[in-house]
Amino acid sequence: MKYTIDKHDRYIVIEPLTDVLNAEKAAKLKAELLLRNTTGQRNIVLDLSNVREVDEEGIRIGILANRLCHTIGGLFLLANVDSAVLEVLEMSHLHQTLTIVDSVKIAEDMIFAHELEMDYRGEKD
């Protein structure tokens, strides 16, 4: 599976270049998320602009990434979620656990606010 990674100072945006996020493709994305997390990247935006369908393994990637980011004080956000994908997330009640935003810009704003709050509290590395 191909995907783009847009690196920024305090976050990265990963955009899968596929219309279906299934078990095979999710495994490759999982490896990338684990790599980014172990190198200290705590804020990750998964831009689902191209994704129109997910299976159980695709959903598990979101759960894993959410846990990894939160464990090290960061945020994991899903951006540009298709209505069919959102429906699957709602059926599995994950829309209550995962942070879903309408755009990457909104995700960026949330990350900057979170980072400022961490700086203010002295919780940042």
PDB file of N, CA and C in Angstrom:
ATOM      1  N   MET A   1       0.844  -1.175   0.000  1.00  0.00           N
ATOM      2  CA  MET A   1       0.000   0.000   0.000  1.00  0.00           C
ATOM      3  C   MET A   1       0.889   1.237   0.000  1.00  0.00           C
ATOM      4  N   LYS A   2       0.512   2.191  -0.786  1.00  0.00           N
ATOM      5  CA  LYS A   2       1.228   3.458  -0.825  1.00  0.00           C
ATOM      6  C   LYS A   2       0.520   4.458   0.083  1.00  0.00           C
ATOM      7  N   TYR A   3       1.318   5.352   0.664  1.00  0.00           N
ATOM      8  CA  TYR A   3       0.775   6.419   1.496  1.00  0.00           C
ATOM      9  C   TYR A   3       1.772   7.564   1.497  1.00  0.00           C
ATOM     10  N   THR A   4       1.287   8.730   1.821  1.00  0.00           N
ATOM     11  CA  THR A   4       2.171   9.882   1.942  1.00  0.00           C
ATOM     12  C   THR A   4       2.331  10.208   3.419  1.00  0.00           C
ATOM     13  N   ILE A   5       3.483  10.777   3.737  1.00  0.00           N
ATOM     14  CA  ILE A   5       3.742  11.252   5.090  1.00  0.00           C
ATOM     15  C   ILE A   5       4.170  12.697   4.982  1.00  0.00           C
ATOM     16  N   ASP A   6       3.440  13.555   5.648  1.00  0.00           N
ATOM     17  CA  ASP A   6       3.740  14.976   5.675  1.00  0.00           C
ATOM     18  C   ASP A   6       4.237  15.299   7.082  1.00  0.00           C
ATOM     19  N   LYS A   7       5.549  15.513   7.216  1.00  0.00           N
ATOM     20  CA  LYS A   7       6.161  15.735   8.522  1.00  0.00           C
ATOM     21  C   LYS A   7       6.141  17.217   8.880  1.00  0.00           C
ATOM     22  N   HIS A   8       5.757  17.470  10.108  1.00  0.00           N
ATOM     23  CA  HIS A   8       5.771  18.824  10.657  1.00  0.00           C
ATOM     24  C   HIS A   8       6.541  18.785  11.968  1.00  0.00           C
ATOM     25  N   ASP A   9       6.765  19.924  12.555  1.00  0.00           N
ATOM     26  CA  ASP A   9       7.544  19.998  13.782  1.00  0.00           C
ATOM     27  C   ASP A   9       6.920  19.192  14.923  1.00  0.00           C
ATOM     28  N   ARG A  10       5.616  19.312  15.117  1.00  0.00           N
ATOM     29  CA  ARG A  10       4.966  18.693  16.266  1.00  0.00           C
ATOM     30  C   ARG A  10       3.989  17.570  15.908  1.00  0.00           C
ATOM     31  N   TYR A  11       3.886  17.238  14.653  1.00  0.00           N
ATOM     32  CA  TYR A  11       2.949  16.196  14.235  1.00  0.00           C
ATOM     33  C   TYR A  11       3.295  15.702  12.835  1.00  0.00           C
ATOM     34  N   ILE A  12       2.675  14.577  12.469  1.00  0.00           N
ATOM     35  CA  ILE A  12       2.772  14.087  11.103  1.00  0.00           C
ATOM     36  C   ILE A  12       1.368  13.788  10.594  1.00  0.00           C
ATOM     37  N   VAL A  13       1.226  13.877   9.297  1.00  0.00           N
ATOM     38  CA  VAL A  13      -0.026  13.512   8.632  1.00  0.00           C
ATOM     39  C   VAL A  13       0.293  12.329   7.728  1.00  0.00           C
ATOM     40  N   ILE A  14      -0.418  11.231   7.955  1.00  0.00           N
ATOM     41  CA  ILE A  14      -0.274  10.055   7.104  1.00  0.00           C
ATOM     42  C   ILE A  14      -1.552   9.921   6.285  1.00  0.00           C
ATOM     43  N   GLU A  15      -1.384   9.833   4.976  1.00  0.00           N
ATOM     44  CA  GLU A  15      -2.539   9.718   4.083  1.00  0.00           C
ATOM     45  C   GLU A  15      -2.417   8.457   3.234  1.00  0.00           C
ATOM     46  N   PRO A  16      -3.204   7.428   3.557  1.00  0.00           N
ATOM     47  CA  PRO A  16      -3.205   6.228   2.722  1.00  0.00           C
ATOM     48  C   PRO A  16      -3.716   6.550   1.320  1.00  0.00           C
ATOM     49  N   LEU A  17      -3.027   6.054   0.316  1.00  0.00           N
ATOM     50  CA  LEU A  17      -3.418   6.299  -1.071  1.00  0.00           C
ATOM     51  C   LEU A  17      -4.145   5.065  -1.602  1.00  0.00           C
ATOM     52  N   THR A  18      -5.240   4.742  -0.940  1.00  0.00           N
ATOM     53  CA  THR A  18      -6.041   3.576  -1.289  1.00  0.00           C
ATOM     54  C   THR A  18      -7.496   3.867  -0.968  1.00  0.00           C
ATOM     55  N   ASP A  19      -8.388   3.183  -1.654  1.00  0.00           N
ATOM     56  CA  ASP A  19      -9.807   3.386  -1.357  1.00  0.00           C
ATOM     57  C   ASP A  19     -10.335   2.358  -0.362  1.00  0.00           C
ATOM     58  N   VAL A  20      -9.557   1.279  -0.124  1.00  0.00           N
ATOM     59  CA  VAL A  20      -9.963   0.249   0.826  1.00  0.00           C
ATOM     60  C   VAL A  20      -8.832   0.024   1.825  1.00  0.00           C
ATOM     61  N   LEU A  21      -9.138   0.147   3.090  1.00  0.00           N
ATOM     62  CA  LEU A  21      -8.164  -0.119   4.143  1.00  0.00           C
ATOM     63  C   LEU A  21      -8.523  -1.464   4.760  1.00  0.00           C
ATOM     64  N   ASN A  22      -7.923  -2.519   4.188  1.00  0.00           N
ATOM     65  CA  ASN A  22      -8.220  -3.887   4.625  1.00  0.00           C
ATOM     66  C   ASN A  22      -7.032  -4.446   5.400  1.00  0.00           C
ATOM     67  N   ALA A  23      -7.101  -5.737   5.748  1.00  0.00           N
ATOM     68  CA  ALA A  23      -6.078  -6.367   6.587  1.00  0.00           C
ATOM     69  C   ALA A  23      -4.681  -6.240   5.990  1.00  0.00           C
ATOM     70  N   GLU A  24      -4.545  -6.527   4.710  1.00  0.00           N
ATOM     71  CA  GLU A  24      -3.231  -6.466   4.066  1.00  0.00           C
ATOM     72  C   GLU A  24      -2.641  -5.058   4.123  1.00  0.00           C
ATOM     73  N   LYS A  25      -3.444  -4.083   3.784  1.00  0.00           N
ATOM     74  CA  LYS A  25      -2.972  -2.700   3.765  1.00  0.00           C
ATOM     75  C   LYS A  25      -2.795  -2.154   5.173  1.00  0.00           C
ATOM     76  N   ALA A  26      -3.633  -2.589   6.080  1.00  0.00           N
ATOM     77  CA  ALA A  26      -3.544  -2.138   7.470  1.00  0.00           C
ATOM     78  C   ALA A  26      -2.236  -2.584   8.115  1.00  0.00           C
ATOM     79  N   ALA A  27      -1.739  -3.762   7.739  1.00  0.00           N
ATOM     80  CA  ALA A  27      -0.482  -4.266   8.304  1.00  0.00           C
ATOM     81  C   ALA A  27       0.681  -3.338   7.958  1.00  0.00           C
ATOM     82  N   LYS A  28       0.712  -2.834   6.753  1.00  0.00           N
ATOM     83  CA  LYS A  28       1.770  -1.917   6.341  1.00  0.00           C
ATOM     84  C   LYS A  28       1.649  -0.579   7.070  1.00  0.00           C
ATOM     85  N   LEU A  29       0.434  -0.131   7.232  1.00  0.00           N
ATOM     86  CA  LEU A  29       0.198   1.119   7.948  1.00  0.00           C
ATOM     87  C   LEU A  29       0.547   0.966   9.426  1.00  0.00           C
ATOM     88  N   LYS A  30       0.259  -0.188   9.984  1.00  0.00           N
ATOM     89  CA  LYS A  30       0.587  -0.470  11.393  1.00  0.00           C
ATOM     90  C   LYS A  30       2.089  -0.344  11.614  1.00  0.00           C
ATOM     91  N   ALA A  31       2.872  -0.906  10.712  1.00  0.00           N
ATOM     92  CA  ALA A  31       4.330  -0.828  10.833  1.00  0.00           C
ATOM     93  C   ALA A  31       4.803   0.622  10.837  1.00  0.00           C
ATOM     94  N   GLU A  32       4.219   1.443   9.994  1.00  0.00           N
ATOM     95  CA  GLU A  32       4.591   2.860   9.932  1.00  0.00           C
ATOM     96  C   GLU A  32       4.216   3.584  11.225  1.00  0.00           C
ATOM     97  N   LEU A  33       3.031   3.303  11.741  1.00  0.00           N
ATOM     98  CA  LEU A  33       2.591   3.938  12.985  1.00  0.00           C
ATOM     99  C   LEU A  33       3.483   3.546  14.157  1.00  0.00           C
ATOM    100  N   LEU A  34       3.846   2.276  14.234  1.00  0.00           N
ATOM    101  CA  LEU A  34       4.735   1.821  15.307  1.00  0.00           C
ATOM    102  C   LEU A  34       6.108   2.478  15.192  1.00  0.00           C
ATOM    103  N   LEU A  35       6.617   2.584  13.975  1.00  0.00           N
ATOM    104  CA  LEU A  35       7.906   3.237  13.753  1.00  0.00           C
ATOM    105  C   LEU A  35       7.856   4.693  14.214  1.00  0.00           C
ATOM    106  N   ARG A  36       6.839   5.393  13.801  1.00  0.00           N
ATOM    107  CA  ARG A  36       6.714   6.818  14.164  1.00  0.00           C
ATOM    108  C   ARG A  36       6.586   6.987  15.676  1.00  0.00           C
ATOM    109  N   ASN A  37       5.856   6.098  16.309  1.00  0.00           N
ATOM    110  CA  ASN A  37       5.654   6.181  17.750  1.00  0.00           C
ATOM    111  C   ASN A  37       6.957   5.896  18.497  1.00  0.00           C
ATOM    112  N   THR A  38       7.700   4.888  18.074  1.00  0.00           N
ATOM    113  CA  THR A  38       8.942   4.555  18.776  1.00  0.00           C
ATOM    114  C   THR A  38      10.025   5.602  18.575  1.00  0.00           C
ATOM    115  N   THR A  39       9.898   6.423  17.536  1.00  0.00           N
ATOM    116  CA  THR A  39      10.860   7.508  17.336  1.00  0.00           C
ATOM    117  C   THR A  39      10.412   8.794  18.034  1.00  0.00           C
ATOM    118  N   GLY A  40       9.330   8.702  18.825  1.00  0.00           N
ATOM    119  CA  GLY A  40       8.916   9.833  19.641  1.00  0.00           C
ATOM    120  C   GLY A  40       7.838  10.720  19.058  1.00  0.00           C
ATOM    121  N   GLN A  41       7.305  10.372  17.905  1.00  0.00           N
ATOM    122  CA  GLN A  41       6.230  11.177  17.310  1.00  0.00           C
ATOM    123  C   GLN A  41       4.937  10.905  18.070  1.00  0.00           C
ATOM    124  N   ARG A  42       4.451  11.898  18.808  1.00  0.00           N
ATOM    125  CA  ARG A  42       3.278  11.649  19.645  1.00  0.00           C
ATOM    126  C   ARG A  42       1.968  12.138  19.046  1.00  0.00           C
ATOM    127  N   ASN A  43       2.011  12.992  18.039  1.00  0.00           N
ATOM    128  CA  ASN A  43       0.800  13.512  17.422  1.00  0.00           C
ATOM    129  C   ASN A  43       0.722  13.038  15.982  1.00  0.00           C
ATOM    130  N   ILE A  44      -0.332  12.282  15.674  1.00  0.00           N
ATOM    131  CA  ILE A  44      -0.487  11.714  14.343  1.00  0.00           C
ATOM    132  C   ILE A  44      -1.890  12.005  13.825  1.00  0.00           C
ATOM    133  N   VAL A  45      -1.943  12.489  12.593  1.00  0.00           N
ATOM    134  CA  VAL A  45      -3.216  12.691  11.897  1.00  0.00           C
ATOM    135  C   VAL A  45      -3.265  11.646  10.785  1.00  0.00           C
ATOM    136  N   LEU A  46      -4.328  10.871  10.772  1.00  0.00           N
ATOM    137  CA  LEU A  46      -4.548   9.912   9.687  1.00  0.00           C
ATOM    138  C   LEU A  46      -5.603  10.520   8.777  1.00  0.00           C
ATOM    139  N   ASP A  47      -5.148  10.970   7.618  1.00  0.00           N
ATOM    140  CA  ASP A  47      -6.023  11.619   6.637  1.00  0.00           C
ATOM    141  C   ASP A  47      -6.635  10.545   5.743  1.00  0.00           C
ATOM    142  N   LEU A  48      -7.926  10.323   5.900  1.00  0.00           N
ATOM    143  CA  LEU A  48      -8.625   9.271   5.168  1.00  0.00           C
ATOM    144  C   LEU A  48      -9.342   9.797   3.920  1.00  0.00           C
ATOM    145  N   SER A  49      -8.816  10.831   3.320  1.00  0.00           N
ATOM    146  CA  SER A  49      -9.434  11.439   2.135  1.00  0.00           C
ATOM    147  C   SER A  49      -9.736  10.445   1.030  1.00  0.00           C
ATOM    148  N   ASN A  50      -8.854   9.473   0.840  1.00  0.00           N
ATOM    149  CA  ASN A  50      -9.008   8.523  -0.258  1.00  0.00           C
ATOM    150  C   ASN A  50      -9.750   7.249   0.128  1.00  0.00           C
ATOM    151  N   VAL A  51      -9.873   6.987   1.413  1.00  0.00           N
ATOM    152  CA  VAL A  51     -10.424   5.716   1.899  1.00  0.00           C
ATOM    153  C   VAL A  51     -11.955   5.767   1.885  1.00  0.00           C
ATOM    154  N   ARG A  52     -12.544   4.776   1.238  1.00  0.00           N
ATOM    155  CA  ARG A  52     -14.002   4.684   1.133  1.00  0.00           C
ATOM    156  C   ARG A  52     -14.571   3.477   1.861  1.00  0.00           C
ATOM    157  N   GLU A  53     -13.676   2.554   2.270  1.00  0.00           N
ATOM    158  CA  GLU A  53     -14.125   1.317   2.903  1.00  0.00           C
ATOM    159  C   GLU A  53     -13.048   0.823   3.865  1.00  0.00           C
ATOM    160  N   VAL A  54     -13.470   0.323   5.035  1.00  0.00           N
ATOM    161  CA  VAL A  54     -12.545  -0.274   5.998  1.00  0.00           C
ATOM    162  C   VAL A  54     -13.101  -1.610   6.469  1.00  0.00           C
ATOM    163  N   ASP A  55     -12.178  -2.492   6.839  1.00  0.00           N
ATOM    164  CA  ASP A  55     -12.611  -3.740   7.456  1.00  0.00           C
ATOM    165  C   ASP A  55     -12.170  -3.716   8.922  1.00  0.00           C
ATOM    166  N   GLU A  56     -12.337  -4.840   9.596  1.00  0.00           N
ATOM    167  CA  GLU A  56     -12.023  -4.917  11.027  1.00  0.00           C
ATOM    168  C   GLU A  56     -10.566  -4.562  11.312  1.00  0.00           C
ATOM    169  N   GLU A  57      -9.658  -5.042  10.487  1.00  0.00           N
ATOM    170  CA  GLU A  57      -8.229  -4.749  10.689  1.00  0.00           C
ATOM    171  C   GLU A  57      -7.932  -3.269  10.457  1.00  0.00           C
ATOM    172  N   GLY A  58      -8.608  -2.680   9.513  1.00  0.00           N
ATOM    173  CA  GLY A  58      -8.453  -1.247   9.279  1.00  0.00           C
ATOM    174  C   GLY A  58      -8.896  -0.433  10.479  1.00  0.00           C
ATOM    175  N   ILE A  59      -9.961  -0.864  11.118  1.00  0.00           N
ATOM    176  CA  ILE A  59     -10.453  -0.191  12.317  1.00  0.00           C
ATOM    177  C   ILE A  59      -9.467  -0.364  13.468  1.00  0.00           C
ATOM    178  N   ARG A  60      -8.894  -1.543  13.582  1.00  0.00           N
ATOM    179  CA  ARG A  60      -7.945  -1.810  14.668  1.00  0.00           C
ATOM    180  C   ARG A  60      -6.725  -0.898  14.593  1.00  0.00           C
ATOM    181  N   ILE A  61      -6.358  -0.496  13.389  1.00  0.00           N
ATOM    182  CA  ILE A  61      -5.233   0.427  13.232  1.00  0.00           C
ATOM    183  C   ILE A  61      -5.529   1.735  13.965  1.00  0.00           C
ATOM    184  N   GLY A  62      -6.744   2.223  13.837  1.00  0.00           N
ATOM    185  CA  GLY A  62      -7.125   3.450  14.540  1.00  0.00           C
ATOM    186  C   GLY A  62      -7.075   3.289  16.043  1.00  0.00           C
ATOM    187  N   ILE A  63      -7.524   2.162  16.531  1.00  0.00           N
ATOM    188  CA  ILE A  63      -7.506   1.896  17.970  1.00  0.00           C
ATOM    189  C   ILE A  63      -6.061   1.848  18.469  1.00  0.00           C
ATOM    190  N   LEU A  64      -5.197   1.137  17.746  1.00  0.00           N
ATOM    191  CA  LEU A  64      -3.792   1.035  18.120  1.00  0.00           C
ATOM    192  C   LEU A  64      -3.120   2.408  18.114  1.00  0.00           C
ATOM    193  N   ALA A  65      -3.292   3.146  17.048  1.00  0.00           N
ATOM    194  CA  ALA A  65      -2.657   4.461  16.932  1.00  0.00           C
ATOM    195  C   ALA A  65      -3.140   5.398  18.029  1.00  0.00           C
ATOM    196  N   ASN A  66      -4.418   5.335  18.342  1.00  0.00           N
ATOM    197  CA  ASN A  66      -4.981   6.168  19.406  1.00  0.00           C
ATOM    198  C   ASN A  66      -4.293   5.837  20.735  1.00  0.00           C
ATOM    199  N   ARG A  67      -4.156   4.552  21.027  1.00  0.00           N
ATOM    200  CA  ARG A  67      -3.531   4.128  22.284  1.00  0.00           C
ATOM    201  C   ARG A  67      -2.054   4.537  22.321  1.00  0.00           C
ATOM    202  N   LEU A  68      -1.342   4.326  21.221  1.00  0.00           N
ATOM    203  CA  LEU A  68       0.077   4.680  21.167  1.00  0.00           C
ATOM    204  C   LEU A  68       0.301   6.179  21.408  1.00  0.00           C
ATOM    205  N   CYS A  69      -0.482   6.992  20.745  1.00  0.00           N
ATOM    206  CA  CYS A  69      -0.329   8.441  20.886  1.00  0.00           C
ATOM    207  C   CYS A  69      -0.687   8.909  22.290  1.00  0.00           C
ATOM    208  N   HIS A  70      -1.783   8.418  22.822  1.00  0.00           N
ATOM    209  CA  HIS A  70      -2.212   8.843  24.159  1.00  0.00           C
ATOM    210  C   HIS A  70      -1.238   8.392  25.242  1.00  0.00           C
ATOM    211  N   THR A  71      -0.601   7.237  25.044  1.00  0.00           N
ATOM    212  CA  THR A  71       0.352   6.722  26.030  1.00  0.00           C
ATOM    213  C   THR A  71       1.530   7.671  26.228  1.00  0.00           C
ATOM    214  N   ILE A  72       1.930   8.367  25.183  1.00  0.00           N
ATOM    215  CA  ILE A  72       3.054   9.294  25.308  1.00  0.00           C
ATOM    216  C   ILE A  72       2.604  10.763  25.309  1.00  0.00           C
ATOM    217  N   GLY A  73       1.343  10.982  25.672  1.00  0.00           N
ATOM    218  CA  GLY A  73       0.839  12.341  25.849  1.00  0.00           C
ATOM    219  C   GLY A  73       0.438  13.064  24.592  1.00  0.00           C
ATOM    220  N   GLY A  74       0.207  12.334  23.519  1.00  0.00           N
ATOM    221  CA  GLY A  74      -0.133  12.978  22.257  1.00  0.00           C
ATOM    222  C   GLY A  74      -1.571  12.775  21.842  1.00  0.00           C
ATOM    223  N   LEU A  75      -1.836  13.167  20.610  1.00  0.00           N
ATOM    224  CA  LEU A  75      -3.173  13.052  20.029  1.00  0.00           C
ATOM    225  C   LEU A  75      -3.116  12.225  18.749  1.00  0.00           C
ATOM    226  N   PHE A  76      -4.160  11.452  18.543  1.00  0.00           N
ATOM    227  CA  PHE A  76      -4.365  10.760  17.276  1.00  0.00           C
ATOM    228  C   PHE A  76      -5.707  11.230  16.747  1.00  0.00           C
ATOM    229  N   LEU A  77      -5.705  11.727  15.518  1.00  0.00           N
ATOM    230  CA  LEU A  77      -6.928  12.257  14.926  1.00  0.00           C
ATOM    231  C   LEU A  77      -7.169  11.651  13.555  1.00  0.00           C
ATOM    232  N   LEU A  78      -8.425  11.366  13.269  1.00  0.00           N
ATOM    233  CA  LEU A  78      -8.848  10.939  11.940  1.00  0.00           C
ATOM    234  C   LEU A  78      -9.439  12.154  11.238  1.00  0.00           C
ATOM    235  N   ALA A  79      -8.972  12.426  10.035  1.00  0.00           N
ATOM    236  CA  ALA A  79      -9.467  13.577   9.282  1.00  0.00           C
ATOM    237  C   ALA A  79     -10.049  13.120   7.955  1.00  0.00           C
ATOM    238  N   ASN A  80     -11.004  13.886   7.461  1.00  0.00           N
ATOM    239  CA  ASN A  80     -11.610  13.649   6.146  1.00  0.00           C
ATOM    240  C   ASN A  80     -12.199  12.240   6.022  1.00  0.00           C
ATOM    241  N   VAL A  81     -12.996  11.860   6.998  1.00  0.00           N
ATOM    242  CA  VAL A  81     -13.567  10.519   7.041  1.00  0.00           C
ATOM    243  C   VAL A  81     -14.802  10.451   6.143  1.00  0.00           C
ATOM    244  N   ASP A  82     -14.790   9.512   5.214  1.00  0.00           N
ATOM    245  CA  ASP A  82     -15.907   9.270   4.301  1.00  0.00           C
ATOM    246  C   ASP A  82     -17.137   8.829   5.094  1.00  0.00           C
ATOM    247  N   SER A  83     -18.319   9.108   4.585  1.00  0.00           N
ATOM    248  CA  SER A  83     -19.557   8.767   5.290  1.00  0.00           C
ATOM    249  C   SER A  83     -19.704   7.259   5.509  1.00  0.00           C
ATOM    250  N   ALA A  84     -19.262   6.446   4.553  1.00  0.00           N
ATOM    251  CA  ALA A  84     -19.349   4.987   4.720  1.00  0.00           C
ATOM    252  C   ALA A  84     -18.408   4.504   5.819  1.00  0.00           C
ATOM    253  N   VAL A  85     -17.224   5.090   5.897  1.00  0.00           N
ATOM    254  CA  VAL A  85     -16.266   4.737   6.951  1.00  0.00           C
ATOM    255  C   VAL A  85     -16.794   5.214   8.299  1.00  0.00           C
ATOM    256  N   LEU A  86     -17.346   6.406   8.323  1.00  0.00           N
ATOM    257  CA  LEU A  86     -17.924   6.935   9.563  1.00  0.00           C
ATOM    258  C   LEU A  86     -19.051   6.038  10.058  1.00  0.00           C
ATOM    259  N   GLU A  87     -19.842   5.530   9.153  1.00  0.00           N
ATOM    260  CA  GLU A  87     -20.933   4.629   9.520  1.00  0.00           C
ATOM    261  C   GLU A  87     -20.399   3.377  10.211  1.00  0.00           C
ATOM    262  N   VAL A  88     -19.302   2.823   9.697  1.00  0.00           N
ATOM    263  CA  VAL A  88     -18.682   1.647  10.320  1.00  0.00           C
ATOM    264  C   VAL A  88     -18.165   2.007  11.714  1.00  0.00           C
ATOM    265  N   LEU A  89     -17.541   3.171  11.842  1.00  0.00           N
ATOM    266  CA  LEU A  89     -17.044   3.605  13.142  1.00  0.00           C
ATOM    267  C   LEU A  89     -18.184   3.813  14.140  1.00  0.00           C
ATOM    268  N   GLU A  90     -19.289   4.338  13.662  1.00  0.00           N
ATOM    269  CA  GLU A  90     -20.444   4.531  14.531  1.00  0.00           C
ATOM    270  C   GLU A  90     -21.070   3.211  14.945  1.00  0.00           C
ATOM    271  N   MET A  91     -21.140   2.249  14.036  1.00  0.00           N
ATOM    272  CA  MET A  91     -21.707   0.940  14.367  1.00  0.00           C
ATOM    273  C   MET A  91     -20.871   0.228  15.427  1.00  0.00           C
ATOM    274  N   SER A  92     -19.577   0.461  15.402  1.00  0.00           N
ATOM    275  CA  SER A  92     -18.692  -0.164  16.383  1.00  0.00           C
ATOM    276  C   SER A  92     -18.470   0.735  17.609  1.00  0.00           C
ATOM    277  N   HIS A  93     -19.158   1.864  17.652  1.00  0.00           N
ATOM    278  CA  HIS A  93     -19.106   2.838  18.752  1.00  0.00           C
ATOM    279  C   HIS A  93     -17.723   3.476  18.917  1.00  0.00           C
ATOM    280  N   LEU A  94     -16.888   3.375  17.907  1.00  0.00           N
ATOM    281  CA  LEU A  94     -15.559   3.971  17.986  1.00  0.00           C
ATOM    282  C   LEU A  94     -15.568   5.473  17.748  1.00  0.00           C
ATOM    283  N   HIS A  95     -16.649   5.990  17.215  1.00  0.00           N
ATOM    284  CA  HIS A  95     -16.747   7.436  17.036  1.00  0.00           C
ATOM    285  C   HIS A  95     -16.738   8.149  18.386  1.00  0.00           C
ATOM    286  N   GLN A  96     -17.010   7.400  19.463  1.00  0.00           N
ATOM    287  CA  GLN A  96     -16.981   7.967  20.812  1.00  0.00           C
ATOM    288  C   GLN A  96     -15.586   7.920  21.412  1.00  0.00           C
ATOM    289  N   THR A  97     -14.724   7.067  20.880  1.00  0.00           N
ATOM    290  CA  THR A  97     -13.370   6.885  21.405  1.00  0.00           C
ATOM    291  C   THR A  97     -12.338   7.644  20.575  1.00  0.00           C
ATOM    292  N   LEU A  98     -12.460   7.554  19.267  1.00  0.00           N
ATOM    293  CA  LEU A  98     -11.511   8.195  18.369  1.00  0.00           C
ATOM    294  C   LEU A  98     -11.923   9.638  18.103  1.00  0.00           C
ATOM    295  N   THR A  99     -10.942  10.490  17.917  1.00  0.00           N
ATOM    296  CA  THR A  99     -11.217  11.887  17.589  1.00  0.00           C
ATOM    297  C   THR A  99     -11.305  12.012  16.075  1.00  0.00           C
ATOM    298  N   ILE A 100     -12.482  12.396  15.609  1.00  0.00           N
ATOM    299  CA  ILE A 100     -12.751  12.504  14.174  1.00  0.00           C
ATOM    300  C   ILE A 100     -13.024  13.968  13.852  1.00  0.00           C
ATOM    301  N   VAL A 101     -12.276  14.497  12.897  1.00  0.00           N
ATOM    302  CA  VAL A 101     -12.434  15.899  12.512  1.00  0.00           C
ATOM    303  C   VAL A 101     -12.684  15.994  11.009  1.00  0.00           C
ATOM    304  N   ASP A 102     -13.219  17.114  10.599  1.00  0.00           N
ATOM    305  CA  ASP A 102     -13.598  17.302   9.197  1.00  0.00           C
ATOM    306  C   ASP A 102     -12.424  17.557   8.257  1.00  0.00           C
ATOM    307  N   SER A 103     -11.310  18.060   8.792  1.00  0.00           N
ATOM    308  CA  SER A 103     -10.194  18.399   7.906  1.00  0.00           C
ATOM    309  C   SER A 103      -8.861  18.304   8.639  1.00  0.00           C
ATOM    310  N   VAL A 104      -7.805  18.266   7.864  1.00  0.00           N
ATOM    311  CA  VAL A 104      -6.458  18.264   8.433  1.00  0.00           C
ATOM    312  C   VAL A 104      -6.204  19.584   9.141  1.00  0.00           C
ATOM    313  N   LYS A 105      -6.728  20.665   8.635  1.00  0.00           N
ATOM    314  CA  LYS A 105      -6.549  21.987   9.256  1.00  0.00           C
ATOM    315  C   LYS A 105      -7.119  21.994  10.678  1.00  0.00           C
ATOM    316  N   ILE A 106      -8.297  21.440  10.859  1.00  0.00           N
ATOM    317  CA  ILE A 106      -8.885  21.361  12.196  1.00  0.00           C
ATOM    318  C   ILE A 106      -8.014  20.486  13.092  1.00  0.00           C
ATOM    319  N   ALA A 107      -7.502  19.392  12.565  1.00  0.00           N
ATOM    320  CA  ALA A 107      -6.609  18.517  13.329  1.00  0.00           C
ATOM    321  C   ALA A 107      -5.353  19.280  13.761  1.00  0.00           C
ATOM    322  N   GLU A 108      -4.775  20.054  12.854  1.00  0.00           N
ATOM    323  CA  GLU A 108      -3.596  20.849  13.179  1.00  0.00           C
ATOM    324  C   GLU A 108      -3.894  21.820  14.319  1.00  0.00           C
ATOM    325  N   ASP A 109      -5.031  22.490  14.244  1.00  0.00           N
ATOM    326  CA  ASP A 109      -5.409  23.440  15.294  1.00  0.00           C
ATOM    327  C   ASP A 109      -5.557  22.744  16.645  1.00  0.00           C
ATOM    328  N   MET A 110      -6.138  21.558  16.648  1.00  0.00           N
ATOM    329  CA  MET A 110      -6.309  20.814  17.896  1.00  0.00           C
ATOM    330  C   MET A 110      -4.953  20.388  18.466  1.00  0.00           C
ATOM    331  N   ILE A 111      -4.050  19.986  17.595  1.00  0.00           N
ATOM    332  CA  ILE A 111      -2.715  19.583  18.051  1.00  0.00           C
ATOM    333  C   ILE A 111      -1.967  20.774  18.634  1.00  0.00           C
ATOM    334  N   PHE A 112      -2.013  21.914  17.964  1.00  0.00           N
ATOM    335  CA  PHE A 112      -1.324  23.088  18.490  1.00  0.00           C
ATOM    336  C   PHE A 112      -1.902  23.510  19.837  1.00  0.00           C
ATOM    337  N   ALA A 113      -3.212  23.454  19.985  1.00  0.00           N
ATOM    338  CA  ALA A 113      -3.832  23.786  21.269  1.00  0.00           C
ATOM    339  C   ALA A 113      -3.382  22.802  22.354  1.00  0.00           C
ATOM    340  N   HIS A 114      -3.334  21.537  22.012  1.00  0.00           N
ATOM    341  CA  HIS A 114      -2.893  20.504  22.958  1.00  0.00           C
ATOM    342  C   HIS A 114      -1.434  20.733  23.360  1.00  0.00           C
ATOM    343  N   GLU A 115      -0.592  21.022  22.399  1.00  0.00           N
ATOM    344  CA  GLU A 115       0.824  21.258  22.680  1.00  0.00           C
ATOM    345  C   GLU A 115       1.021  22.511  23.544  1.00  0.00           C
ATOM    346  N   LEU A 116       0.269  23.563  23.273  1.00  0.00           N
ATOM    347  CA  LEU A 116       0.353  24.766  24.100  1.00  0.00           C
ATOM    348  C   LEU A 116      -0.069  24.473  25.531  1.00  0.00           C
ATOM    349  N   GLU A 117      -1.117  23.699  25.686  1.00  0.00           N
ATOM    350  CA  GLU A 117      -1.571  23.326  27.017  1.00  0.00           C
ATOM    351  C   GLU A 117      -0.503  22.505  27.739  1.00  0.00           C
ATOM    352  N   MET A 118       0.131  21.595  27.042  1.00  0.00           N
ATOM    353  CA  MET A 118       1.197  20.796  27.653  1.00  0.00           C
ATOM    354  C   MET A 118       2.381  21.677  28.043  1.00  0.00           C
ATOM    355  N   ASP A 119       2.736  22.633  27.183  1.00  0.00           N
ATOM    356  CA  ASP A 119       3.809  23.563  27.513  1.00  0.00           C
ATOM    357  C   ASP A 119       3.465  24.367  28.768  1.00  0.00           C
ATOM    358  N   TYR A 120       2.237  24.850  28.830  1.00  0.00           N
ATOM    359  CA  TYR A 120       1.779  25.648  29.953  1.00  0.00           C
ATOM    360  C   TYR A 120       1.837  24.865  31.257  1.00  0.00           C
ATOM    361  N   ARG A 121       1.452  23.596  31.205  1.00  0.00           N
ATOM    362  CA  ARG A 121       1.455  22.745  32.394  1.00  0.00           C
ATOM    363  C   ARG A 121       2.837  22.197  32.721  1.00  0.00           C
ATOM    364  N   GLY A 122       3.790  22.377  31.812  1.00  0.00           N
ATOM    365  CA  GLY A 122       5.129  21.847  32.021  1.00  0.00           C
ATOM    366  C   GLY A 122       5.210  20.340  31.836  1.00  0.00           C
ATOM    367  N   GLU A 123       4.289  19.779  31.061  1.00  0.00           N
ATOM    368  CA  GLU A 123       4.231  18.337  30.849  1.00  0.00           C
ATOM    369  C   GLU A 123       4.981  17.882  29.614  1.00  0.00           C
ATOM    370  N   LYS A 124       5.547  18.801  28.912  1.00  0.00           N
ATOM    371  CA  LYS A 124       6.211  18.465  27.658  1.00  0.00           C
ATOM    372  C   LYS A 124       7.676  18.149  27.903  1.00  0.00           C
ATOM    373  N   ASP A 125       8.210  17.269  27.045  1.00  0.00           N
ATOM    374  CA  ASP A 125       9.634  16.892  27.157  1.00  0.00           C
ATOM    375  C   ASP A 125      10.531  18.101  27.137  1.00  0.00           C
TER     376      ASP A 125
END
